[in-house]
Protein backbone atom coordinates (compact mmCIF):
# COMPACT_ATOMS: atom_id res chain seq x y z
CA UNK A 1 0.00 0.00 0.00
CA UNK A 2 2.83 2.39 0.93
CA UNK A 3 4.65 1.60 -2.33
CA UNK A 4 1.45 2.28 -4.28
CA UNK A 5 1.02 5.69 -2.63
CA UNK A 6 4.68 6.53 -3.26
CA UNK A 7 4.37 5.56 -6.94
CA UNK A 8 1.20 7.63 -7.35
CA UNK A 9 2.83 10.63 -5.67
CA UNK A 10 5.87 10.34 -7.96
CA UNK A 11 3.68 10.26 -11.07
CA UNK A 12 1.75 13.35 -9.95
CA UNK A 13 5.01 15.17 -9.17
CA UNK A 14 6.50 14.33 -12.58
CA UNK A 15 3.34 15.53 -14.33
CA UNK A 16 3.32 18.73 -12.30
CA UNK A 17 6.94 19.46 -13.21
CA UNK A 18 7.09 18.15 -16.79
CA UNK A 19 3.88 19.68 -18.18
CA UNK A 20 4.72 23.36 -17.52
CA UNK A 21 8.32 22.87 -18.66
CA UNK A 22 7.21 21.31 -21.96
CA UNK A 23 4.54 23.99 -22.41
CA UNK A 24 7.11 26.73 -21.78
CA UNK A 25 9.48 25.19 -24.29
CA UNK A 26 6.77 24.84 -26.93
CA UNK A 27 5.21 28.28 -26.50
CA UNK A 28 8.35 30.24 -25.60
CA UNK A 29 6.66 31.63 -22.46
CA UNK A 30 8.52 32.21 -19.27
CA UNK A 31 8.49 29.25 -16.93
CA UNK A 32 6.83 31.34 -14.21
CA UNK A 33 3.94 32.40 -16.45
CA UNK A 34 3.51 28.85 -17.68
CA UNK A 35 3.44 27.48 -14.14
CA UNK A 36 0.76 30.02 -13.20
CA UNK A 37 -1.34 29.20 -16.27
CA UNK A 38 -0.94 25.46 -15.70
CA UNK A 39 -2.02 25.77 -12.06
CA UNK A 40 -5.12 27.81 -13.00
CA UNK A 41 -6.18 25.22 -15.57
CA UNK A 42 -5.85 22.24 -13.22
CA UNK A 43 -9.08 20.52 -12.26
CA UNK A 44 -8.29 21.19 -8.58
CA UNK A 45 -8.89 24.90 -9.16
CA UNK A 46 -12.56 24.24 -9.99
CA UNK A 47 -13.20 22.92 -6.49
CA UNK A 48 -12.61 26.42 -5.12
CA UNK A 49 -14.77 28.30 -7.63
CA UNK A 50 -18.49 28.99 -7.06
CA UNK A 51 -20.28 25.70 -6.46
CA UNK A 52 -17.16 23.63 -7.03
CA UNK A 53 -17.77 21.87 -3.72
CA UNK A 54 -20.55 19.94 -5.45
CA UNK A 55 -18.00 18.17 -7.63
CA UNK A 56 -16.14 17.04 -4.52
CA UNK A 57 -19.37 15.76 -2.94
CA UNK A 58 -20.30 13.77 -6.06
CA UNK A 59 -16.82 12.28 -6.34
CA UNK A 60 -17.00 11.29 -2.67
CA UNK A 61 -20.44 9.74 -3.28
CA UNK A 62 -19.08 7.83 -6.27
CA UNK A 63 -16.23 6.50 -4.12
CA UNK A 64 -18.74 5.44 -1.46
CA UNK A 65 -20.71 3.48 -4.06
CA UNK A 66 -17.44 1.89 -5.21
CA UNK A 67 -16.89 0.83 -1.61
CA UNK A 68 -20.35 -0.77 -1.51
CA UNK A 69 -19.69 -2.57 -4.80
CA UNK A 70 -16.16 -3.81 -4.00
CA UNK A 71 -16.18 -4.36 -0.24
CA UNK A 72 -19.86 -5.06 0.48
CA UNK A 73 -20.47 -6.69 -2.94
CA UNK A 74 -23.81 -4.89 -3.48
CA UNK A 75 -24.71 -5.59 -7.14
CA UNK A 76 -21.04 -5.09 -8.12
CA UNK A 77 -21.49 -5.94 -11.82
CA UNK A 78 -23.47 -2.76 -12.37
CA UNK A 79 -22.88 -0.66 -9.27
CA UNK A 80 -19.11 -0.57 -9.87
CA UNK A 81 -19.27 0.86 -13.43
CA UNK A 82 -22.12 3.21 -12.43
CA UNK A 83 -20.10 4.53 -9.50
CA UNK A 84 -16.96 4.97 -11.60
CA UNK A 85 -18.96 6.73 -14.31
CA UNK A 86 -20.25 9.06 -11.59
CA UNK A 87 -16.66 9.84 -10.58
CA UNK A 88 -15.56 10.45 -14.18
CA UNK A 89 -18.42 12.77 -15.10
CA UNK A 90 -17.78 14.97 -12.05
CA UNK A 91 -14.07 15.47 -12.69
CA UNK A 92 -13.88 19.23 -13.45
CA UNK A 93 -12.88 20.12 -17.03
CA UNK A 94 -12.30 16.47 -18.02
CA UNK A 95 -14.87 16.85 -20.83
CA UNK A 96 -16.00 13.21 -20.78
CA UNK A 97 -19.72 14.00 -20.59
CA UNK A 98 -21.56 17.18 -21.55
CA UNK A 99 -25.01 17.44 -20.01
CA UNK A 100 -25.58 20.74 -21.87
CA UNK A 101 -25.40 18.92 -25.22
CA UNK A 102 -28.08 16.49 -24.11
CA UNK A 103 -30.17 19.42 -22.80
CA UNK A 104 -30.06 20.85 -26.34
CA UNK A 105 -30.93 17.41 -27.70
CA UNK A 106 -34.18 17.52 -25.66
CA UNK A 107 -34.96 21.21 -26.25
CA UNK A 108 -37.68 21.70 -28.87
CA UNK A 109 -36.35 25.21 -29.59
CA UNK A 110 -32.76 24.11 -30.15
CA UNK A 111 -31.36 23.51 -33.65
CA UNK A 112 -29.84 20.33 -32.20
CA UNK A 113 -33.23 18.94 -31.08
CA UNK A 114 -33.14 15.14 -31.45
CA UNK A 115 -29.98 15.43 -33.53
CA UNK A 116 -26.95 13.30 -32.73
CA UNK A 117 -24.76 15.49 -34.94
CA UNK A 118 -23.70 17.87 -32.17
CA UNK A 119 -23.10 14.92 -29.84
CA UNK A 120 -20.81 13.21 -32.34
CA UNK A 121 -19.01 16.47 -33.15
CA UNK A 122 -18.57 18.06 -29.73
CA UNK A 123 -19.23 15.22 -27.28
CA UNK A 124 -16.74 13.35 -25.14
CA UNK A 125 -16.24 9.60 -24.84
CA UNK A 126 -19.15 9.08 -22.47
CA UNK A 127 -21.46 11.23 -24.63
CA UNK A 128 -20.82 8.91 -27.56
CA UNK A 129 -21.42 5.77 -25.50
CA UNK A 130 -24.55 7.30 -23.94
CA UNK A 131 -26.24 7.26 -27.35
CA UNK A 132 -26.80 3.54 -26.77
CA UNK A 133 -28.80 4.37 -23.63
CA UNK A 134 -30.81 7.18 -25.24
CA UNK A 135 -31.64 5.01 -28.24
CA UNK A 136 -32.77 2.20 -25.91
CA UNK A 137 -30.18 -0.25 -27.25
CA UNK A 138 -28.30 -1.24 -24.08
CA UNK A 139 -31.31 -2.18 -21.90
CA UNK A 140 -32.71 -4.36 -24.69
CA UNK A 141 -29.39 -6.16 -25.13
CA UNK A 142 -29.29 -6.71 -21.37
CA UNK A 143 -32.76 -8.29 -21.63
CA UNK A 144 -31.44 -10.53 -24.41
CA UNK A 145 -28.79 -11.83 -22.02
CA UNK A 146 -31.24 -12.11 -19.12
CA UNK A 147 -33.56 -14.20 -21.29
CA UNK A 148 -30.73 -16.57 -22.18
CA UNK A 149 -29.90 -17.01 -18.50
CA UNK A 150 -33.50 -17.49 -17.31
CA UNK A 151 -35.35 -20.75 -16.79
CA UNK A 152 -39.09 -20.22 -17.22
CA UNK A 153 -39.75 -23.83 -16.15
CA UNK A 154 -41.06 -22.97 -12.63
CA UNK A 155 -43.45 -20.41 -14.14
CA UNK A 156 -44.72 -22.86 -16.78
CA UNK A 157 -45.14 -25.56 -14.14
CA UNK A 158 -47.19 -23.23 -11.92
CA UNK A 159 -48.99 -20.64 -14.09
CA UNK A 160 -50.54 -19.05 -10.99
CA UNK A 161 -47.07 -17.60 -10.37
CA UNK A 162 -47.79 -15.17 -13.17
CA UNK A 163 -50.49 -13.55 -11.03
CA UNK A 164 -48.03 -13.08 -8.16
CA UNK A 165 -45.53 -11.48 -10.53
CA UNK A 166 -48.25 -9.14 -11.76
CA UNK A 167 -49.36 -8.27 -8.21
CA UNK A 168 -45.82 -7.29 -7.28
CA UNK A 169 -45.96 -4.53 -9.89
CA UNK A 170 -48.54 -2.68 -7.81
CA UNK A 171 -45.70 -0.65 -6.31
CA UNK A 172 -45.05 0.85 -9.75
CA UNK A 173 -48.59 2.14 -10.21
CA UNK A 174 -49.12 3.26 -6.61
CA UNK A 175 -45.95 5.33 -6.80
CA UNK A 176 -46.93 6.66 -10.23
CA UNK A 177 -50.21 7.95 -8.78
CA UNK A 178 -48.63 9.39 -5.62
CA UNK A 179 -45.88 11.20 -7.54
CA UNK A 180 -48.47 13.10 -9.56
CA UNK A 181 -49.75 14.97 -6.51
CA UNK A 182 -48.99 18.67 -6.70
CA UNK A 183 -46.72 18.73 -3.65
CA UNK A 184 -44.17 16.41 -5.33
CA UNK A 185 -43.59 18.70 -8.31
CA UNK A 186 -43.12 15.79 -10.73
CA UNK A 187 -44.60 15.62 -14.22
CA UNK A 188 -46.55 12.48 -15.25
CA UNK A 189 -43.51 11.32 -17.27
CA UNK A 190 -41.22 11.74 -14.28
CA UNK A 191 -43.75 10.03 -12.01
CA UNK A 192 -43.83 7.00 -14.32
CA UNK A 193 -40.03 6.82 -14.39
CA UNK A 194 -39.83 6.97 -10.58
CA UNK A 195 -42.59 4.41 -10.18
CA UNK A 196 -40.77 1.82 -12.27
CA UNK A 197 -38.19 1.58 -9.46
CA UNK A 198 -40.82 -0.51 -7.66
CA UNK A 199 -40.32 -3.28 -10.20
CA UNK A 200 -36.71 -3.78 -9.00
CA UNK A 201 -35.60 -4.14 -12.61
CA UNK A 202 -32.63 -1.91 -13.47
CA UNK A 203 -32.62 -2.26 -17.29
CA UNK A 204 -36.37 -1.61 -17.46
CA UNK A 205 -36.01 1.47 -15.23
CA UNK A 206 -33.23 2.80 -17.46
CA UNK A 207 -35.18 2.02 -20.66
CA UNK A 208 -38.34 3.81 -19.52
CA UNK A 209 -36.56 6.76 -17.93
CA UNK A 210 -34.40 7.37 -21.01
CA UNK A 211 -37.62 7.64 -23.01
CA UNK A 212 -39.79 9.67 -20.63
CA UNK A 213 -37.55 11.58 -18.19
CA UNK A 214 -33.88 11.42 -19.21
CA UNK A 215 -33.07 14.32 -16.87
CA UNK A 216 -33.73 11.95 -13.94
CA UNK A 217 -31.77 8.99 -15.30
CA UNK A 218 -28.84 9.31 -12.88
CA UNK A 219 -30.84 9.42 -9.61
CA UNK A 220 -33.32 6.77 -10.77
CA UNK A 221 -30.60 4.35 -11.91
CA UNK A 222 -28.68 4.74 -8.65
CA UNK A 223 -31.89 4.25 -6.64
CA UNK A 224 -33.00 1.22 -8.68
CA UNK A 225 -29.71 -0.65 -8.40
CA UNK A 226 -29.15 0.34 -4.79
CA UNK A 227 -32.54 -1.04 -3.77
CA UNK A 228 -31.99 -4.17 -5.85
CA UNK A 229 -28.78 -4.74 -3.89
CA UNK A 230 -30.64 -4.16 -0.63
CA UNK A 231 -33.37 -6.74 -1.33
CA UNK A 232 -32.18 -8.97 1.58
CA UNK A 233 -32.47 -5.95 3.89
CA UNK A 234 -35.70 -4.32 2.68
CA UNK A 235 -37.94 -7.33 2.03
CA UNK A 236 -37.70 -9.54 5.18
CA UNK A 237 -39.32 -7.06 7.64
CA UNK A 238 -42.26 -6.54 5.27
CA UNK A 239 -42.65 -10.27 4.70
CA UNK A 240 -42.59 -11.06 8.43
CA UNK A 241 -45.07 -8.28 9.17
CA UNK A 242 -47.61 -9.56 6.62
CA UNK A 243 -47.40 -13.29 7.39
CA UNK A 244 -47.80 -15.54 10.43
CA UNK A 245 -45.27 -18.20 11.37
CA UNK A 246 -47.72 -20.93 10.39
CA UNK A 247 -48.06 -19.36 6.93
CA UNK A 248 -44.30 -19.17 6.57
CA UNK A 249 -44.10 -22.87 7.44
CA UNK A 250 -46.41 -23.97 4.60
CA UNK A 251 -44.75 -26.64 2.47
CA UNK A 252 -45.56 -26.78 -1.21
CA UNK A 253 -45.71 -29.87 -3.42
CA UNK A 254 -42.84 -30.46 -5.80
CA UNK A 255 -43.31 -28.81 -9.21
CA UNK A 256 -43.98 -31.02 -12.20
CA UNK A 257 -41.32 -31.63 -14.80
CA UNK A 258 -41.64 -29.23 -17.73
CA UNK A 259 -40.94 -30.67 -21.19
CA UNK A 260 -38.49 -29.15 -23.65
CA UNK A 261 -41.34 -28.60 -26.11
CA UNK A 262 -43.19 -26.44 -23.57
CA UNK A 263 -40.05 -24.40 -22.89
CA UNK A 264 -39.59 -23.75 -26.62
CA UNK A 265 -43.22 -22.81 -27.28
CA UNK A 266 -43.49 -20.52 -24.24
CA UNK A 267 -41.17 -17.66 -25.36
CA UNK A 268 -42.64 -17.68 -28.87
CA UNK A 269 -46.24 -17.46 -27.62
CA UNK A 270 -45.44 -14.82 -24.96
CA UNK A 271 -43.56 -12.62 -27.44
CA UNK A 272 -46.41 -12.73 -29.97
CA UNK A 273 -49.33 -12.37 -27.55
CA UNK A 274 -47.84 -9.63 -25.36
CA UNK A 275 -46.59 -7.64 -28.36
CA UNK A 276 -50.00 -7.80 -30.05
CA UNK A 277 -51.78 -6.68 -26.89
CA UNK A 278 -49.17 -4.06 -25.92
CA UNK A 279 -46.94 -3.08 -28.87
CA UNK A 280 -44.93 -0.61 -26.75
CA UNK A 281 -43.62 -3.54 -24.68
CA UNK A 282 -42.49 -5.50 -27.74
CA UNK A 283 -38.92 -4.21 -27.62
CA UNK A 284 -38.16 -5.50 -24.11
CA UNK A 285 -40.35 -8.61 -24.21
CA UNK A 286 -39.11 -9.54 -27.69
CA UNK A 287 -35.45 -9.39 -26.63
CA UNK A 288 -36.15 -11.28 -23.39
CA UNK A 289 -37.97 -14.08 -25.20
CA UNK A 290 -35.45 -14.26 -28.06
CA UNK A 291 -32.65 -14.81 -25.54
CA UNK A 292 -34.68 -17.52 -23.80
CA UNK A 293 -35.52 -19.22 -27.10
CA UNK A 294 -31.82 -19.31 -27.98
CA UNK A 295 -31.17 -21.13 -24.71
CA UNK A 296 -34.07 -23.56 -24.78
CA UNK A 297 -33.96 -24.48 -28.48
CA UNK A 298 -30.49 -25.97 -28.12
CA UNK A 299 -29.63 -25.30 -31.78
CA UNK A 300 -27.72 -22.01 -31.36
CA UNK A 301 -25.55 -22.79 -28.37
CA UNK A 302 -22.79 -20.46 -29.61
CA UNK A 303 -25.19 -17.52 -29.83
CA UNK A 304 -26.72 -18.33 -26.46
CA UNK A 305 -23.29 -18.42 -24.82
CA UNK A 306 -22.37 -15.14 -26.51
CA UNK A 307 -25.39 -13.19 -25.27
CA UNK A 308 -24.98 -14.67 -21.78
CA UNK A 309 -21.30 -13.84 -21.54
CA UNK A 310 -19.32 -11.69 -23.99
CA UNK A 311 -22.15 -9.48 -25.31
CA UNK A 312 -23.78 -9.11 -21.91
CA UNK A 313 -20.49 -8.19 -20.23
CA UNK A 314 -19.65 -5.53 -22.83
CA UNK A 315 -23.11 -3.97 -22.65
CA UNK A 316 -23.07 -3.95 -18.84
CA UNK A 317 -19.82 -1.95 -18.90
CA UNK A 318 -21.13 0.61 -21.41
CA UNK A 319 -24.54 0.86 -19.72
CA UNK A 320 -23.16 1.24 -16.21
CA UNK A 321 -20.50 3.83 -16.98
CA UNK A 322 -22.77 5.99 -19.14
CA UNK A 323 -25.71 5.87 -16.72
CA UNK A 324 -23.34 6.87 -13.94
CA UNK A 325 -22.15 9.73 -16.14
CA UNK A 326 -25.62 11.28 -16.08
CA UNK A 327 -25.32 11.74 -12.29
CA UNK A 328 -23.76 15.18 -12.57
CA UNK A 329 -23.59 17.55 -9.61
CA UNK A 330 -26.31 19.76 -11.15
CA UNK A 331 -28.79 16.92 -11.68
CA UNK A 332 -28.08 14.95 -8.52
CA UNK A 333 -27.55 17.33 -5.62
CA UNK A 334 -31.05 18.67 -5.14
CA UNK A 335 -34.23 18.04 -3.15
CA UNK A 336 -35.75 16.20 -6.10
CA UNK A 337 -33.12 13.45 -5.87
CA UNK A 338 -33.73 12.96 -2.15
CA UNK A 339 -37.46 12.66 -2.87
CA UNK A 340 -36.79 10.08 -5.60
CA UNK A 341 -34.72 7.98 -3.20
CA UNK A 342 -37.45 8.15 -0.54
CA UNK A 343 -40.32 7.40 -2.91
CA UNK A 344 -38.32 4.62 -4.58
CA UNK A 345 -38.07 2.57 -1.41
CA UNK A 346 -41.81 3.03 -0.83
CA UNK A 347 -42.46 1.71 -4.34
CA UNK A 348 -40.27 -1.29 -3.62
CA UNK A 349 -42.11 -1.93 -0.34
CA UNK A 350 -45.53 -1.83 -2.02
CA UNK A 351 -44.31 -4.25 -4.69
CA UNK A 352 -43.14 -6.72 -2.05
CA UNK A 353 -46.39 -6.39 -0.10
CA UNK A 354 -48.54 -6.77 -3.22
CA UNK A 355 -47.17 -10.21 -4.05
CA UNK A 356 -47.45 -11.49 -0.46
CA UNK A 357 -51.02 -10.22 -0.01
CA UNK A 358 -52.24 -11.73 -3.29
CA UNK A 359 -50.77 -15.12 -2.30
CA UNK A 360 -52.66 -14.91 1.02
CA UNK A 361 -55.86 -13.97 -0.84
CA UNK A 362 -55.49 -16.86 -3.30
CA UNK A 363 -55.11 -19.28 -0.39
CA UNK A 364 -58.70 -18.50 0.60
CA UNK A 365 -59.97 -20.21 -2.57
CA UNK A 366 -57.65 -23.18 -3.12
CA UNK A 367 -57.18 -26.50 -1.35
CA UNK A 368 -53.44 -26.73 -1.87
CA UNK A 369 -52.12 -23.70 -0.03
CA UNK A 370 -49.14 -21.77 -1.29
CA UNK A 371 -46.57 -20.24 0.99
CA UNK A 372 -47.20 -16.46 0.83
CA UNK A 373 -43.47 -15.81 1.08
CA UNK A 374 -43.06 -16.69 -2.59
CA UNK A 375 -45.28 -13.72 -3.49
CA UNK A 376 -42.54 -11.29 -2.46
CA UNK A 377 -40.33 -12.77 -5.19
CA UNK A 378 -42.68 -11.19 -7.74
CA UNK A 379 -40.32 -8.23 -7.93
CA UNK A 380 -37.86 -8.92 -10.72
CA UNK A 381 -34.61 -8.95 -8.75
CA UNK A 382 -33.60 -12.37 -10.12
CA UNK A 383 -32.65 -14.60 -8.31
CA UNK A 384 -32.04 -12.58 -5.14
CA UNK A 385 -35.72 -12.10 -4.26
CA UNK A 386 -36.34 -15.86 -4.63
CA UNK A 387 -33.43 -16.56 -2.29
CA UNK A 388 -34.92 -14.22 0.30
CA UNK A 389 -38.17 -16.23 0.17
CA UNK A 390 -36.17 -19.43 0.62
CA UNK A 391 -34.21 -17.98 3.56
CA UNK A 392 -37.32 -16.85 5.46
CA UNK A 393 -39.08 -20.14 4.74
CA UNK A 394 -36.20 -22.14 6.19
CA UNK A 395 -36.05 -19.76 9.13
CA UNK A 396 -39.55 -20.87 10.07
CA UNK A 397 -39.05 -24.52 9.03
CA UNK A 398 -35.48 -25.70 8.34
CA UNK A 399 -36.81 -28.50 6.11
CA UNK A 400 -38.88 -26.20 3.92
CA UNK A 401 -37.66 -25.68 0.36
CA UNK A 402 -39.21 -22.73 -1.47
CA UNK A 403 -36.52 -21.67 -3.94
CA UNK A 404 -37.93 -23.28 -7.10
CA UNK A 405 -41.48 -22.24 -6.16
CA UNK A 406 -40.28 -18.64 -5.66
CA UNK A 407 -38.49 -18.63 -9.01
CA UNK A 408 -41.89 -18.78 -10.74
CA UNK A 409 -43.08 -15.38 -9.46
CA UNK A 410 -39.52 -14.08 -9.76
CA UNK A 411 -39.23 -14.63 -13.51
CA UNK A 412 -42.87 -13.58 -13.89
CA UNK A 413 -41.80 -10.29 -12.31
CA UNK A 414 -39.31 -9.75 -15.13
CA UNK A 415 -42.14 -10.07 -17.64
CA UNK A 416 -44.45 -8.00 -15.43
CA UNK A 417 -42.06 -5.06 -15.08
CA UNK A 418 -41.51 -4.98 -18.86
CA UNK A 419 -45.28 -5.02 -19.42
CA UNK A 420 -45.76 -2.25 -16.82
CA UNK A 421 -43.12 -0.16 -18.60
CA UNK A 422 -44.92 -0.77 -21.89
CA UNK A 423 -48.25 0.37 -20.40
CA UNK A 424 -46.72 3.57 -19.05
CA UNK A 425 -44.89 4.20 -22.31
CA UNK A 426 -48.05 3.71 -24.38
CA UNK A 427 -49.90 6.34 -22.34
CA UNK A 428 -47.10 8.86 -21.89
CA UNK A 429 -44.55 8.19 -24.62
């Protein structure tokens, strides 16, 4: 550690000495004038000008999120690039991301309205990569990989799981309604983007927000992935509060074996039916089901492996860093962001409660009772939410095994959140 600090200090010292000397030699200025000019143009100087302290706060926040990703391992695959993107975009004068160019892109009165020309000409590295977010490409490619890694067998074996996945989306719509009250100050488009946090589906939240309220993308993405990482902390108290110990001890019969033919037909039928009913959801659902069909068909193993690994990894890097780049000091450090973070956790809580309560309600009308804990897995944090159901079930009865039963509502939640995003997009897009 000491050697690392010494090496870093030596590099900084060499840069501090060499840059002014080379500039003085090239421009034939006096060394003193060059040193003064070099010092004034350093990024450090911006911290002491006007609201420069905000940059320092955002960099510190980015470093804190890096700590959570690396040390605490909270959703590290996405939280790490998001946090580092947050650090990069708030480095003064680095020119990696230009929020003003994207403001012009969204301004109806600007000559650059919905034109990528200015972005390509004047943008930095992260501006160029962010085009994939704005065009809705990255979230859809993520869904392609998710589909290839998902087993819909538990959902096919127990179709009632689909209802639990749908019930868990209630947090999205409750939050959407609440955020439209006058005291919140949110527009309907912003309210929809905040509400989608309740689905606990990061790519869907990014997809919808980039379409409806791109100015809130940074806070919403950070909130969505933070709460996804905190599923084991947020959900258990709600689940215990809404269920009795006897309900948590309910054992469920083993699921039937699902045939390969069923697994192949399922993604095809879902893609066609959902897209015909709700065309605005076709992009996400289509990619999700295509990825799953690649996996289950068994005839394109190379493509399936690619979307699960290489393609998915590349897209995760681009998506995370560019979404983090939207968390600039101007867009993040305000009352609106705090409100988003507060409302987001409420949305997540309502989603968890919705699945549990529907499972309890369904038990009133069926002979074979289901354990209500699996309803909480209806949020689409796969497979973490299903593991939480399993953990609480075994806490009440060490011999209880709920994981595969909870995976049904869990994967149904992925479909449900995409459908909810499509509904909101069809009304507000």
